[in-house]
Amino acid sequence: MKPKHQAAKTSYSVLAYLTFIGLIIAYQLNRERKDPNTTWHIKNMFGLLIGLFAAVWLQNFPVGFYVYWTVVCLWVFSLIMAILGQNKGIPYLSEAFQRWFKFLDQ
């Protein structure tokens, strides 16, 4: 069984993957208690959200369908990793998200 403080950290990480509003709430809650695991997942979800916006923008083209379902599959994988409390993510992309979205560290 996880300690109560660790369970809260994991729940913030999972919350980041639950809609756009969940991402904002997790970001605000993480500002109080800087948890590196939660910050990692917030950055990852922010990158996936940009991918989702790209898929919506491309929806009138055949590639939009594939972008959308790729992002959905990556989102499910990332959500499972957050539930397990791991910082494993999408090969190459998760590490790129960590470098690109430094502004979310604050």
Protein backbone atom coordinates (compact mmCIF):
# COMPACT_ATOMS: atom_id res chain seq x y z
CA MET A 1 0.00 0.00 0.00
CA LYS A 2 1.29 3.44 -0.92
CA PRO A 3 1.80 6.10 1.74
CA LYS A 4 -0.89 8.78 1.74
CA HIS A 5 1.47 11.47 0.39
CA GLN A 6 2.61 9.17 -2.45
CA ALA A 7 -0.99 8.35 -3.33
CA ALA A 8 -1.77 12.07 -3.63
CA LYS A 9 1.19 12.53 -5.98
CA THR A 10 0.00 9.67 -8.16
CA SER A 11 -3.55 11.03 -8.20
CA TYR A 12 -2.27 14.43 -9.38
CA SER A 13 -0.39 12.68 -12.18
CA VAL A 14 -3.50 10.77 -13.21
CA LEU A 15 -5.61 13.93 -12.93
CA ALA A 16 -3.35 15.59 -15.51
CA TYR A 17 -4.55 13.06 -18.11
CA LEU A 18 -8.24 13.59 -17.44
CA THR A 19 -9.35 16.25 -19.92
CA PHE A 20 -7.96 19.72 -20.43
CA ILE A 21 -9.52 20.90 -17.16
CA GLY A 22 -7.77 18.08 -15.29
CA LEU A 23 -4.46 19.27 -16.73
CA ILE A 24 -5.07 22.79 -15.42
CA ILE A 25 -6.15 21.52 -11.98
CA ALA A 26 -3.12 19.20 -11.71
CA TYR A 27 -0.84 22.09 -12.70
CA GLN A 28 -2.34 24.35 -10.03
CA LEU A 29 -2.16 21.66 -7.33
CA ASN A 30 1.42 20.81 -8.28
CA ARG A 31 2.50 24.44 -7.89
CA GLU A 32 2.02 24.06 -4.13
CA ARG A 33 3.94 20.78 -3.79
CA LYS A 34 6.56 20.54 -6.49
CA ASP A 35 6.49 16.84 -7.32
CA PRO A 36 8.85 15.92 -10.19
CA ASN A 37 6.69 12.92 -11.18
CA THR A 38 3.56 15.06 -11.52
CA THR A 39 5.47 17.77 -13.39
CA TRP A 40 6.76 15.12 -15.78
CA HIS A 41 3.23 13.89 -16.50
CA ILE A 42 1.86 17.43 -16.86
CA LYS A 43 4.44 18.16 -19.55
CA ASN A 44 3.68 14.87 -21.26
CA MET A 45 -0.06 15.57 -21.32
CA PHE A 46 0.53 19.10 -22.59
CA GLY A 47 2.41 17.61 -25.56
CA LEU A 48 -0.38 15.12 -26.19
CA LEU A 49 -2.91 17.95 -26.03
CA ILE A 50 -1.00 19.81 -28.75
CA GLY A 51 -1.07 16.58 -30.79
CA LEU A 52 -4.83 16.42 -30.31
CA PHE A 53 -5.21 20.02 -31.50
CA ALA A 54 -3.10 19.13 -34.56
CA ALA A 55 -5.39 16.16 -35.25
CA VAL A 56 -8.47 18.40 -35.07
CA TRP A 57 -6.79 20.90 -37.38
CA LEU A 58 -6.00 18.07 -39.82
CA GLN A 59 -9.42 16.41 -39.59
CA ASN A 60 -10.36 17.31 -43.17
CA PHE A 61 -7.34 15.43 -44.48
CA PRO A 62 -6.87 11.65 -44.45
CA VAL A 63 -3.82 11.94 -42.19
CA GLY A 64 -5.94 13.61 -39.46
CA PHE A 65 -7.69 10.32 -38.72
CA TYR A 66 -4.35 8.58 -38.12
CA VAL A 67 -2.93 11.43 -36.07
CA TYR A 68 -6.02 11.42 -33.86
CA TRP A 69 -5.95 7.69 -33.14
CA THR A 70 -2.19 7.72 -32.62
CA VAL A 71 -2.59 10.46 -30.01
CA VAL A 72 -5.43 8.54 -28.34
CA CYS A 73 -3.29 5.38 -28.10
CA LEU A 74 -0.35 7.37 -26.71
CA TRP A 75 -2.70 9.02 -24.22
CA VAL A 76 -3.94 5.62 -22.97
CA PHE A 77 -0.36 4.38 -22.61
CA SER A 78 0.66 7.53 -20.72
CA LEU A 79 -2.39 7.30 -18.44
CA ILE A 80 -1.48 3.72 -17.54
CA MET A 81 2.08 4.81 -16.74
CA ALA A 82 0.72 7.58 -14.50
CA ILE A 83 -1.51 5.09 -12.67
CA LEU A 84 1.52 2.87 -12.12
CA GLY A 85 3.50 5.88 -10.87
CA GLN A 86 6.21 5.57 -13.50
CA ASN A 87 7.93 8.20 -15.62
CA LYS A 88 7.92 5.99 -18.67
CA GLY A 89 6.43 7.59 -21.68
CA ILE A 90 6.35 7.77 -25.40
CA PRO A 91 9.74 6.91 -26.89
CA TYR A 92 11.54 10.08 -27.99
CA LEU A 93 8.46 12.31 -27.67
CA SER A 94 8.18 12.29 -23.87
CA GLU A 95 11.80 13.34 -23.50
CA ALA A 96 11.29 16.04 -26.13
CA PHE A 97 8.21 17.28 -24.24
CA GLN A 98 10.32 17.54 -21.08
CA ARG A 99 12.84 19.77 -22.89
CA TRP A 100 10.30 21.86 -24.82
CA PHE A 101 7.88 22.68 -22.02
CA LYS A 102 10.27 23.95 -19.33
CA PHE A 103 7.83 26.81 -18.62
CA LEU A 104 5.54 24.27 -16.90
CA ASP A 105 8.17 23.71 -14.19
CA GLN A 106 7.06 26.83 -12.34
